[in-house]
């Protein structure tokens, strides 16, 4: 998963990630727990997350 500069740090992706794979420090960052389920992509209000590695 890739998080672009368009991320506004709202935390929606982190809140809905079933694996706890996202933290928000000003903007979202992925950790090693990501299994690419794409739940974060569905909940990002600004489409800042994509499946591109």
Protein backbone atom coordinates (compact mmCIF):
# COMPACT_ATOMS: atom_id res chain seq x y z
CA UNK A 1 0.00 0.00 0.00
CA UNK A 2 1.15 3.53 -0.71
CA UNK A 3 0.05 6.73 1.03
CA UNK A 4 0.45 9.86 -1.09
CA UNK A 5 1.15 13.45 -0.10
CA UNK A 6 -2.59 14.14 -0.43
CA UNK A 7 -3.09 12.51 3.00
CA UNK A 8 -4.67 15.03 5.39
CA UNK A 9 -4.05 12.95 8.53
CA UNK A 10 -7.74 12.49 9.37
CA UNK A 11 -7.14 8.99 10.80
CA UNK A 12 -10.05 7.26 9.07
CA UNK A 13 -7.75 4.67 7.56
CA UNK A 14 -6.19 3.87 10.94
CA UNK A 15 -9.58 3.69 12.64
CA UNK A 16 -10.94 1.15 10.17
CA UNK A 17 -7.80 -0.96 9.58
CA UNK A 18 -8.60 -4.41 11.01
CA UNK A 19 -4.90 -5.18 11.50
CA UNK A 20 -3.75 -1.99 13.21
CA UNK A 21 -1.31 -1.48 10.37
CA UNK A 22 -1.61 2.32 10.14
CA UNK A 23 -0.50 5.06 12.52
CA UNK A 24 -1.07 8.77 12.08
CA UNK A 25 1.80 11.18 12.79
CA UNK A 26 0.67 14.30 10.98
CA UNK A 27 -0.20 11.97 8.12
CA UNK A 28 -0.78 8.23 7.89
CA UNK A 29 2.12 5.76 7.79
CA UNK A 30 2.03 2.01 7.25
CA UNK A 31 3.82 -0.49 9.44
CA UNK A 32 4.83 -4.10 8.82
CA UNK A 33 1.40 -5.49 9.77
CA UNK A 34 -0.25 -4.49 6.47
CA UNK A 35 -1.73 -7.47 4.60
CA UNK A 36 -3.07 -5.33 1.73
CA UNK A 37 -6.74 -5.96 2.50
CA UNK A 38 -7.50 -2.47 1.06
CA UNK A 39 -9.96 -1.50 3.82
CA UNK A 40 -8.00 1.74 4.23
CA UNK A 41 -8.45 2.54 0.54
CA UNK A 42 -12.22 2.28 0.94
CA UNK A 43 -12.34 4.66 3.92
CA UNK A 44 -9.87 7.35 2.82
CA UNK A 45 -11.97 10.47 2.15
CA UNK A 46 -9.31 12.08 -0.08
CA UNK A 47 -8.23 8.93 -1.99
CA UNK A 48 -4.66 9.25 -0.73
CA UNK A 49 -4.08 5.50 -0.39
CA UNK A 50 -3.52 3.13 -3.28
CA UNK A 51 -2.56 -0.50 -3.74
CA UNK A 52 0.65 0.52 -5.50
CA UNK A 53 3.68 -0.64 -3.55
